[in-house]
PDB file of N, CA and C in Angstrom:
ATOM      1  N   MET A   1      21.016 -98.509 -98.860  1.00  0.00           N
ATOM      2  CA  MET A   1      21.917 -99.310 -99.275  1.00  0.00           C
ATOM      3  C   MET A   1      21.345-100.832 -98.495  1.00  0.00           C
ATOM      4  N   CYS A   2      21.388-101.552 -99.836  1.00  0.00           N
ATOM      5  CA  CYS A   2      20.924-102.786 -99.324  1.00  0.00           C
ATOM      6  C   CYS A   2      22.141-104.124 -98.905  1.00  0.00           C
ATOM      7  N   LEU A   3      22.257-104.143 -97.612  1.00  0.00           N
ATOM      8  CA  LEU A   3      23.664-105.617 -97.462  1.00  0.00           C
ATOM      9  C   LEU A   3      23.065-107.105 -97.725  1.00  0.00           C
ATOM     10  N   ALA A   4      24.021-107.882 -97.938  1.00  0.00           N
ATOM     11  CA  ALA A   4      23.641-109.464 -97.438  1.00  0.00           C
ATOM     12  C   ALA A   4      24.076-109.459 -96.056  1.00  0.00           C
ATOM     13  N   VAL A   5      23.387-110.180 -95.085  1.00  0.00           N
ATOM     14  CA  VAL A   5      23.748-110.053 -93.814  1.00  0.00           C
ATOM     15  C   VAL A   5      24.121-111.039 -93.384  1.00  0.00           C
ATOM     16  N   PRO A   6      24.950-111.489 -92.535  1.00  0.00           N
ATOM     17  CA  PRO A   6      24.779-113.219 -91.961  1.00  0.00           C
ATOM     18  C   PRO A   6      24.064-113.017 -90.103  1.00  0.00           C
ATOM     19  N   GLY A   7      23.742-114.141 -90.277  1.00  0.00           N
ATOM     20  CA  GLY A   7      22.874-114.558 -89.522  1.00  0.00           C
ATOM     21  C   GLY A   7      23.018-115.951 -88.852  1.00  0.00           C
ATOM     22  N   LYS A   8      22.705-116.261 -87.812  1.00  0.00           N
ATOM     23  CA  LYS A   8      22.322-117.411 -87.076  1.00  0.00           C
ATOM     24  C   LYS A   8      21.040-117.818 -87.235  1.00  0.00           C
ATOM     25  N   VAL A   9      20.764-119.367 -87.530  1.00  0.00           N
ATOM     26  CA  VAL A   9      19.908-119.816 -87.894  1.00  0.00           C
ATOM     27  C   VAL A   9      19.170-120.406 -86.518  1.00  0.00           C
ATOM     28  N   VAL A  10      18.119-119.742 -85.856  1.00  0.00           N
ATOM     29  CA  VAL A  10      17.612-120.403 -84.329  1.00  0.00           C
ATOM     30  C   VAL A  10      16.653-121.451 -84.212  1.00  0.00           C
ATOM     31  N   SER A  11      15.318-121.197 -85.173  1.00  0.00           N
ATOM     32  CA  SER A  11      14.648-122.449 -85.637  1.00  0.00           C
ATOM     33  C   SER A  11      14.343-122.736 -87.142  1.00  0.00           C
ATOM     34  N   LEU A  12      13.406-124.069 -87.194  1.00  0.00           N
ATOM     35  CA  LEU A  12      13.250-124.094 -88.358  1.00  0.00           C
ATOM     36  C   LEU A  12      11.074-124.136 -88.790  1.00  0.00           C
ATOM     37  N   HIS A  13      10.984-123.526 -89.488  1.00  0.00           N
ATOM     38  CA  HIS A  13       9.232-124.011 -90.095  1.00  0.00           C
ATOM     39  C   HIS A  13       8.980-123.880 -91.142  1.00  0.00           C
ATOM     40  N   GLU A  14       7.411-124.266 -91.419  1.00  0.00           N
ATOM     41  CA  GLU A  14       7.281-124.362 -92.592  1.00  0.00           C
ATOM     42  C   GLU A  14       6.038-123.528 -92.505  1.00  0.00           C
ATOM     43  N   ALA A  15       6.087-122.195 -94.098  1.00  0.00           N
ATOM     44  CA  ALA A  15       4.522-121.362 -93.793  1.00  0.00           C
ATOM     45  C   ALA A  15       4.263-121.812 -95.755  1.00  0.00           C
ATOM     46  N   GLY A  16       2.727-122.448 -95.409  1.00  0.00           N
ATOM     47  CA  GLY A  16       2.368-122.015 -97.009  1.00  0.00           C
ATOM     48  C   GLY A  16       3.777-123.033 -97.858  1.00  0.00           C
ATOM     49  N   GLY A  17       3.963-124.228 -97.374  1.00  0.00           N
ATOM     50  CA  GLY A  17       4.664-125.038 -97.983  1.00  0.00           C
ATOM     51  C   GLY A  17       6.449-124.764 -98.582  1.00  0.00           C
ATOM     52  N   VAL A  18       6.688-123.585 -97.531  1.00  0.00           N
ATOM     53  CA  VAL A  18       8.205-123.060 -97.956  1.00  0.00           C
ATOM     54  C   VAL A  18       8.568-122.784 -96.969  1.00  0.00           C
ATOM     55  N   GLN A  19       9.925-123.342 -96.698  1.00  0.00           N
ATOM     56  CA  GLN A  19      10.756-123.552 -95.773  1.00  0.00           C
ATOM     57  C   GLN A  19      11.435-122.156 -94.784  1.00  0.00           C
ATOM     58  N   MET A  20      11.000-122.338 -93.767  1.00  0.00           N
ATOM     59  CA  MET A  20      11.523-120.897 -93.376  1.00  0.00           C
ATOM     60  C   MET A  20      11.663-120.761 -91.977  1.00  0.00           C
ATOM     61  N   GLY A  21      12.677-119.742 -91.539  1.00  0.00           N
ATOM     62  CA  GLY A  21      13.389-120.146 -90.518  1.00  0.00           C
ATOM     63  C   GLY A  21      13.278-118.828 -89.678  1.00  0.00           C
ATOM     64  N   LYS A  22      13.665-119.142 -88.042  1.00  0.00           N
ATOM     65  CA  LYS A  22      14.161-118.118 -87.285  1.00  0.00           C
ATOM     66  C   LYS A  22      15.484-117.751 -87.150  1.00  0.00           C
ATOM     67  N   VAL A  23      16.032-116.514 -87.564  1.00  0.00           N
ATOM     68  CA  VAL A  23      17.034-115.966 -88.168  1.00  0.00           C
ATOM     69  C   VAL A  23      17.740-114.985 -87.218  1.00  0.00           C
ATOM     70  N   ASP A  24      18.694-115.075 -86.157  1.00  0.00           N
ATOM     71  CA  ASP A  24      18.882-114.147 -85.108  1.00  0.00           C
ATOM     72  C   ASP A  24      20.120-113.042 -86.016  1.00  0.00           C
ATOM     73  N   PHE A  25      20.014-112.061 -86.137  1.00  0.00           N
ATOM     74  CA  PHE A  25      20.969-110.961 -86.390  1.00  0.00           C
ATOM     75  C   PHE A  25      21.859-110.636 -85.211  1.00  0.00           C
ATOM     76  N   ASP A  26      22.470-110.938 -84.300  1.00  0.00           N
ATOM     77  CA  ASP A  26      22.727-110.207 -83.155  1.00  0.00           C
ATOM     78  C   ASP A  26      22.188-109.653 -82.143  1.00  0.00           C
ATOM     79  N   GLY A  27      20.941-110.347 -81.982  1.00  0.00           N
ATOM     80  CA  GLY A  27      20.425-109.913 -81.364  1.00  0.00           C
ATOM     81  C   GLY A  27      18.769-109.792 -81.551  1.00  0.00           C
ATOM     82  N   ILE A  28      18.450-109.125 -82.937  1.00  0.00           N
ATOM     83  CA  ILE A  28      17.117-109.023 -83.639  1.00  0.00           C
ATOM     84  C   ILE A  28      17.094-110.488 -84.485  1.00  0.00           C
ATOM     85  N   THR A  29      16.111-110.678 -84.237  1.00  0.00           N
ATOM     86  CA  THR A  29      15.500-112.559 -84.791  1.00  0.00           C
ATOM     87  C   THR A  29      14.044-111.566 -85.870  1.00  0.00           C
ATOM     88  N   LYS A  30      14.692-112.193 -86.874  1.00  0.00           N
ATOM     89  CA  LYS A  30      13.197-112.621 -88.048  1.00  0.00           C
ATOM     90  C   LYS A  30      13.220-113.513 -89.169  1.00  0.00           C
ATOM     91  N   ASP A  31      11.988-113.888 -89.198  1.00  0.00           N
ATOM     92  CA  ASP A  31      11.520-114.967 -89.725  1.00  0.00           C
ATOM     93  C   ASP A  31      11.918-114.667 -91.572  1.00  0.00           C
ATOM     94  N   ILE A  32      12.747-115.956 -91.891  1.00  0.00           N
ATOM     95  CA  ILE A  32      13.246-115.394 -93.187  1.00  0.00           C
ATOM     96  C   ILE A  32      13.096-116.625 -93.944  1.00  0.00           C
ATOM     97  N   CYS A  33      12.795-116.788 -95.390  1.00  0.00           N
ATOM     98  CA  CYS A  33      13.002-117.521 -96.171  1.00  0.00           C
ATOM     99  C   CYS A  33      14.072-118.457 -96.290  1.00  0.00           C
ATOM    100  N   LEU A  34      14.130-120.039 -96.367  1.00  0.00           N
ATOM    101  CA  LEU A  34      15.143-120.658 -96.755  1.00  0.00           C
ATOM    102  C   LEU A  34      15.005-121.940 -97.615  1.00  0.00           C
ATOM    103  N   ALA A  35      13.821-121.496 -98.782  1.00  0.00           N
ATOM    104  CA  ALA A  35      13.650-122.293 -99.915  1.00  0.00           C
ATOM    105  C   ALA A  35      15.343-122.574-100.493  1.00  0.00           C
ATOM    106  N   TYR A  36      16.017-121.592-100.540  1.00  0.00           N
ATOM    107  CA  TYR A  36      17.473-121.954-101.133  1.00  0.00           C
ATOM    108  C   TYR A  36      18.133-122.705-100.349  1.00  0.00           C
ATOM    109  N   MET A  37      17.883-122.910 -99.113  1.00  0.00           N
ATOM    110  CA  MET A  37      18.996-123.512 -97.949  1.00  0.00           C
ATOM    111  C   MET A  37      18.049-124.907 -97.761  1.00  0.00           C
ATOM    112  N   PRO A  38      17.999-125.654 -98.401  1.00  0.00           N
ATOM    113  CA  PRO A  38      17.420-126.768 -97.890  1.00  0.00           C
ATOM    114  C   PRO A  38      17.773-127.984 -96.732  1.00  0.00           C
ATOM    115  N   ASP A  39      19.053-127.857 -96.776  1.00  0.00           N
ATOM    116  CA  ASP A  39      19.720-128.981 -95.843  1.00  0.00           C
ATOM    117  C   ASP A  39      20.365-127.903 -94.289  1.00  0.00           C
ATOM    118  N   ILE A  40      19.854-126.147 -94.455  1.00  0.00           N
ATOM    119  CA  ILE A  40      20.559-125.997 -93.333  1.00  0.00           C
ATOM    120  C   ILE A  40      19.529-126.052 -92.149  1.00  0.00           C
ATOM    121  N   LYS A  41      20.646-126.100 -91.193  1.00  0.00           N
ATOM    122  CA  LYS A  41      19.988-126.318 -89.332  1.00  0.00           C
ATOM    123  C   LYS A  41      20.471-125.731 -88.126  1.00  0.00           C
ATOM    124  N   PRO A  42      19.218-125.329 -87.486  1.00  0.00           N
ATOM    125  CA  PRO A  42      19.729-124.243 -86.380  1.00  0.00           C
ATOM    126  C   PRO A  42      20.877-124.405 -86.023  1.00  0.00           C
ATOM    127  N   GLY A  43      21.485-123.465 -85.642  1.00  0.00           N
ATOM    128  CA  GLY A  43      22.606-122.685 -85.468  1.00  0.00           C
ATOM    129  C   GLY A  43      23.801-122.757 -86.385  1.00  0.00           C
ATOM    130  N   GLU A  44      23.655-122.944 -87.576  1.00  0.00           N
ATOM    131  CA  GLU A  44      24.206-122.657 -88.699  1.00  0.00           C
ATOM    132  C   GLU A  44      23.873-121.433 -88.979  1.00  0.00           C
ATOM    133  N   TYR A  45      25.128-120.421 -90.007  1.00  0.00           N
ATOM    134  CA  TYR A  45      24.804-119.257 -90.023  1.00  0.00           C
ATOM    135  C   TYR A  45      24.536-118.926 -91.992  1.00  0.00           C
ATOM    136  N   VAL A  46      23.852-118.160 -91.744  1.00  0.00           N
ATOM    137  CA  VAL A  46      23.318-118.263 -92.828  1.00  0.00           C
ATOM    138  C   VAL A  46      23.572-116.554 -93.367  1.00  0.00           C
ATOM    139  N   ILE A  47      24.049-116.213 -95.187  1.00  0.00           N
ATOM    140  CA  ILE A  47      24.107-114.830 -95.484  1.00  0.00           C
ATOM    141  C   ILE A  47      22.532-113.992 -95.944  1.00  0.00           C
ATOM    142  N   VAL A  48      21.827-113.695 -95.934  1.00  0.00           N
ATOM    143  CA  VAL A  48      20.737-112.970 -95.861  1.00  0.00           C
ATOM    144  C   VAL A  48      20.087-112.042 -96.813  1.00  0.00           C
ATOM    145  N   HIS A  49      19.571-111.750 -97.943  1.00  0.00           N
ATOM    146  CA  HIS A  49      19.467-110.940 -98.810  1.00  0.00           C
ATOM    147  C   HIS A  49      17.930-110.769 -99.212  1.00  0.00           C
ATOM    148  N   VAL A  50      17.398-109.582 -98.734  1.00  0.00           N
ATOM    149  CA  VAL A  50      16.038-109.315 -98.927  1.00  0.00           C
ATOM    150  C   VAL A  50      14.992-109.745 -98.157  1.00  0.00           C
ATOM    151  N   GLY A  51      15.253-110.897 -97.325  1.00  0.00           N
ATOM    152  CA  GLY A  51      14.447-112.212 -96.569  1.00  0.00           C
ATOM    153  C   GLY A  51      14.769-113.465 -97.002  1.00  0.00           C
ATOM    154  N   PHE A  52      16.000-113.357 -98.061  1.00  0.00           N
ATOM    155  CA  PHE A  52      15.988-114.932 -98.555  1.00  0.00           C
ATOM    156  C   PHE A  52      17.353-115.274 -97.723  1.00  0.00           C
ATOM    157  N   ALA A  53      17.531-115.854 -97.365  1.00  0.00           N
ATOM    158  CA  ALA A  53      19.082-117.459 -97.006  1.00  0.00           C
ATOM    159  C   ALA A  53      19.471-117.350 -98.603  1.00  0.00           C
ATOM    160  N   ILE A  54      20.431-116.869 -98.553  1.00  0.00           N
ATOM    161  CA  ILE A  54      21.458-117.103 -99.979  1.00  0.00           C
ATOM    162  C   ILE A  54      22.528-118.001 -99.658  1.00  0.00           C
ATOM    163  N   GLU A  55      23.141-118.339 -99.110  1.00  0.00           N
ATOM    164  CA  GLU A  55      24.719-118.792 -98.702  1.00  0.00           C
ATOM    165  C   GLU A  55      24.804-119.137 -97.111  1.00  0.00           C
ATOM    166  N   LYS A  56      25.187-120.338 -97.276  1.00  0.00           N
ATOM    167  CA  LYS A  56      25.476-120.939 -95.934  1.00  0.00           C
ATOM    168  C   LYS A  56      27.170-120.659 -96.031  1.00  0.00           C
ATOM    169  N   LEU A  57      27.369-119.831 -93.712  1.00  0.00           N
ATOM    170  CA  LEU A  57      28.597-119.186 -93.934  1.00  0.00           C
ATOM    171  C   LEU A  57      29.244-119.820 -92.567  1.00  0.00           C
ATOM    172  N   ASP A  58      30.443-119.358 -92.765  1.00  0.00           N
ATOM    173  CA  ASP A  58      31.202-120.630 -91.311  1.00  0.00           C
ATOM    174  C   ASP A  58      30.959-119.238 -89.871  1.00  0.00           C
ATOM    175  N   GLU A  59      31.054-119.604 -88.499  1.00  0.00           N
ATOM    176  CA  GLU A  59      30.565-118.809 -87.563  1.00  0.00           C
ATOM    177  C   GLU A  59      31.754-117.559 -87.519  1.00  0.00           C
ATOM    178  N   LYS A  60      32.929-117.953 -87.717  1.00  0.00           N
ATOM    179  CA  LYS A  60      34.128-116.972 -87.440  1.00  0.00           C
ATOM    180  C   LYS A  60      33.555-115.678 -88.546  1.00  0.00           C
ATOM    181  N   SER A  61      33.222-116.632 -90.008  1.00  0.00           N
ATOM    182  CA  SER A  61      33.123-115.342 -90.707  1.00  0.00           C
ATOM    183  C   SER A  61      32.128-114.122 -90.450  1.00  0.00           C
ATOM    184  N   ALA A  62      30.943-115.244 -90.208  1.00  0.00           N
ATOM    185  CA  ALA A  62      30.105-114.409 -89.714  1.00  0.00           C
ATOM    186  C   ALA A  62      29.763-113.379 -88.898  1.00  0.00           C
ATOM    187  N   LEU A  63      30.360-113.567 -87.773  1.00  0.00           N
ATOM    188  CA  LEU A  63      30.305-112.848 -86.217  1.00  0.00           C
ATOM    189  C   LEU A  63      31.638-111.506 -86.805  1.00  0.00           C
ATOM    190  N   GLU A  64      32.653-112.132 -87.305  1.00  0.00           N
ATOM    191  CA  GLU A  64      33.893-111.239 -88.068  1.00  0.00           C
ATOM    192  C   GLU A  64      32.469-109.939 -88.341  1.00  0.00           C
ATOM    193  N   THR A  65      31.971-110.358 -89.989  1.00  0.00           N
ATOM    194  CA  THR A  65      31.038-109.183 -90.781  1.00  0.00           C
ATOM    195  C   THR A  65      30.169-108.792 -90.082  1.00  0.00           C
ATOM    196  N   LEU A  66      29.742-108.948 -89.099  1.00  0.00           N
ATOM    197  CA  LEU A  66      28.525-108.719 -88.246  1.00  0.00           C
ATOM    198  C   LEU A  66      29.383-107.401 -87.614  1.00  0.00           C
ATOM    199  N   GLN A  67      30.499-108.011 -86.890  1.00  0.00           N
ATOM    200  CA  GLN A  67      31.131-106.630 -85.852  1.00  0.00           C
ATOM    201  C   GLN A  67      31.512-105.640 -86.981  1.00  0.00           C
ATOM    202  N   MET A  68      32.169-106.021 -88.356  1.00  0.00           N
ATOM    203  CA  MET A  68      32.534-104.975 -89.249  1.00  0.00           C
ATOM    204  C   MET A  68      30.902-103.940 -89.162  1.00  0.00           C
ATOM    205  N   PHE A  69      29.954-104.611 -89.870  1.00  0.00           N
ATOM    206  CA  PHE A  69      28.590-103.889 -89.915  1.00  0.00           C
ATOM    207  C   PHE A  69      28.312-103.005 -88.484  1.00  0.00           C
ATOM    208  N   ARG A  70      28.584-103.382 -87.690  1.00  0.00           N
ATOM    209  CA  ARG A  70      28.225-103.381 -86.383  1.00  0.00           C
ATOM    210  C   ARG A  70      29.218-101.627 -86.359  1.00  0.00           C
ATOM    211  N   GLU A  71      29.832-101.684 -86.298  1.00  0.00           N
ATOM    212  CA  GLU A  71      31.411-101.247 -86.295  1.00  0.00           C
ATOM    213  C   GLU A  71      30.685 -99.409 -86.915  1.00  0.00           C
ATOM    214  N   MET A  72      30.274 -99.779 -88.236  1.00  0.00           N
ATOM    215  CA  MET A  72      30.321 -98.972 -89.153  1.00  0.00           C
ATOM    216  C   MET A  72      28.889 -98.313 -89.640  1.00  0.00           C
ATOM    217  N   GLY A  73      27.893 -99.340 -88.370  1.00  0.00           N
ATOM    218  CA  GLY A  73      26.701 -98.314 -88.341  1.00  0.00           C
ATOM    219  C   GLY A  73      25.769 -98.603 -88.979  1.00  0.00           C
ATOM    220  N   PHE A  74      25.855-100.013 -90.137  1.00  0.00           N
ATOM    221  CA  PHE A  74      25.271-100.453 -90.970  1.00  0.00           C
ATOM    222  C   PHE A  74      24.009-101.379 -90.209  1.00  0.00           C
ATOM    223  N   LEU A  75      24.609-101.849 -89.701  1.00  0.00           N
ATOM    224  CA  LEU A  75      23.723-103.106 -89.231  1.00  0.00           C
ATOM    225  C   LEU A  75      22.038-102.590 -88.622  1.00  0.00           C
ATOM    226  N   GLU A  76      22.413-101.590 -87.746  1.00  0.00           N
ATOM    227  CA  GLU A  76      21.178-101.175 -87.540  1.00  0.00           C
ATOM    228  C   GLU A  76      20.146-100.668 -88.132  1.00  0.00           C
ATOM    229  N   GLU A  77      20.803 -99.725 -89.621  1.00  0.00           N
ATOM    230  CA  GLU A  77      20.258 -99.104 -91.018  1.00  0.00           C
ATOM    231  C   GLU A  77      19.254-100.599 -91.347  1.00  0.00           C
ATOM    232  N   GLU A  78      20.693-101.424 -91.551  1.00  0.00           N
ATOM    233  CA  GLU A  78      19.853-102.864 -92.488  1.00  0.00           C
ATOM    234  C   GLU A  78      18.946-103.160 -92.039  1.00  0.00           C
ATOM    235  N   LEU A  79      18.731-103.893 -90.823  1.00  0.00           N
ATOM    236  CA  LEU A  79      17.971-104.605 -89.729  1.00  0.00           C
ATOM    237  C   LEU A  79      16.476-103.371 -89.905  1.00  0.00           C
ATOM    238  N   GLY A  80      16.357-102.163 -89.622  1.00  0.00           N
ATOM    239  CA  GLY A  80      15.586-101.478 -89.353  1.00  0.00           C
ATOM    240  C   GLY A  80      15.517-101.967 -87.486  1.00  0.00           C
ATOM    241  N   ALA A  81      16.126-101.747 -86.580  1.00  0.00           N
ATOM    242  CA  ALA A  81      15.895-101.904 -85.654  1.00  0.00           C
ATOM    243  C   ALA A  81      15.688-100.575 -84.964  1.00  0.00           C
ATOM    244  N   SER A  82      15.016-100.993 -83.879  1.00  0.00           N
ATOM    245  CA  SER A  82      14.494 -99.977 -83.209  1.00  0.00           C
ATOM    246  C   SER A  82      15.612 -99.010 -81.968  1.00  0.00           C
ATOM    247  N   GLU A  83      14.830 -98.276 -81.810  1.00  0.00           N
ATOM    248  CA  GLU A  83      16.553 -97.545 -80.210  1.00  0.00           C
ATOM    249  C   GLU A  83      16.917 -98.613 -79.892  1.00  0.00           C
ATOM    250  N   GLY A  84      15.539 -99.525 -79.085  1.00  0.00           N
ATOM    251  CA  GLY A  84      16.086-100.168 -77.498  1.00  0.00           C
ATOM    252  C   GLY A  84      16.847-101.537 -78.264  1.00  0.00           C
ATOM    253  N   GLU A  85      16.421-101.990 -79.745  1.00  0.00           N
ATOM    254  CA  GLU A  85      17.261-102.908 -80.121  1.00  0.00           C
ATOM    255  C   GLU A  85      18.602-102.642 -80.432  1.00  0.00           C
ATOM    256  N   SER A  86      18.781-101.613 -81.116  1.00  0.00           N
ATOM    257  CA  SER A  86      20.269-101.063 -81.712  1.00  0.00           C
ATOM    258  C   SER A  86      20.782-100.993 -80.328  1.00  0.00           C
ATOM    259  N   ASP A  87      20.316-100.518 -79.041  1.00  0.00           N
ATOM    260  CA  ASP A  87      21.321-100.684 -77.863  1.00  0.00           C
ATOM    261  C   ASP A  87      22.103-102.083 -77.751  1.00  0.00           C
ATOM    262  N   GLU A  88      20.987-102.835 -77.926  1.00  0.00           N
ATOM    263  CA  GLU A  88      21.644-104.492 -77.312  1.00  0.00           C
ATOM    264  C   GLU A  88      22.105-105.207 -78.521  1.00  0.00           C
ATOM    265  N   ILE A  89      22.314-104.728 -80.062  1.00  0.00           N
ATOM    266  CA  ILE A  89      22.944-104.628 -81.193  1.00  0.00           C
ATOM    267  C   ILE A  89      24.384-104.347 -80.238  1.00  0.00           C
ATOM    268  N   SER A  90      24.652-103.166 -80.092  1.00  0.00           N
ATOM    269  CA  SER A  90      25.811-102.273 -79.722  1.00  0.00           C
ATOM    270  C   SER A  90      26.452-103.248 -79.334  1.00  0.00           C
ATOM    271  N   THR A  91      26.088-103.399 -78.218  1.00  0.00           N
ATOM    272  CA  THR A  91      26.926-103.778 -76.956  1.00  0.00           C
ATOM    273  C   THR A  91      26.990-105.776 -76.869  1.00  0.00           C
ATOM    274  N   ARG A  92      26.888-106.521 -78.054  1.00  0.00           N
ATOM    275  CA  ARG A  92      26.427-107.892 -78.161  1.00  0.00           C
ATOM    276  C   ARG A  92      27.552-107.748 -79.192  1.00  0.00           C
ATOM    277  N   VAL A  93      29.098-108.945 -78.381  1.00  0.00           N
ATOM    278  CA  VAL A  93      29.750-109.183 -79.079  1.00  0.00           C
ATOM    279  C   VAL A  93      29.794-110.742 -78.488  1.00  0.00           C
ATOM    280  N   SER A  94      30.371-111.454 -79.715  1.00  0.00           N
ATOM    281  CA  SER A  94      30.013-113.503 -79.426  1.00  0.00           C
ATOM    282  C   SER A  94      31.866-113.089 -79.783  1.00  0.00           C
TER     283      SER A  94
END
């Protein structure tokens, strides 16, 4: 299954002329393309699908969705978390 997962933008950088960012998915940080979100700022939440931020999301909705994915067991599967990372994911609740 391939879900769109909410994450918090931690930092911004450019790679090859493309706006990129470090995005935190409840403890797992990944490099994400932010080209479709030119006005996004660190601290804001985005919905990410196959490595691209596709929509801005409010914090409440993002955290509720992450909690639901965690409870259903989708978060670890979708993000490809290792065993150690999945332990961290399952214990973090904001």
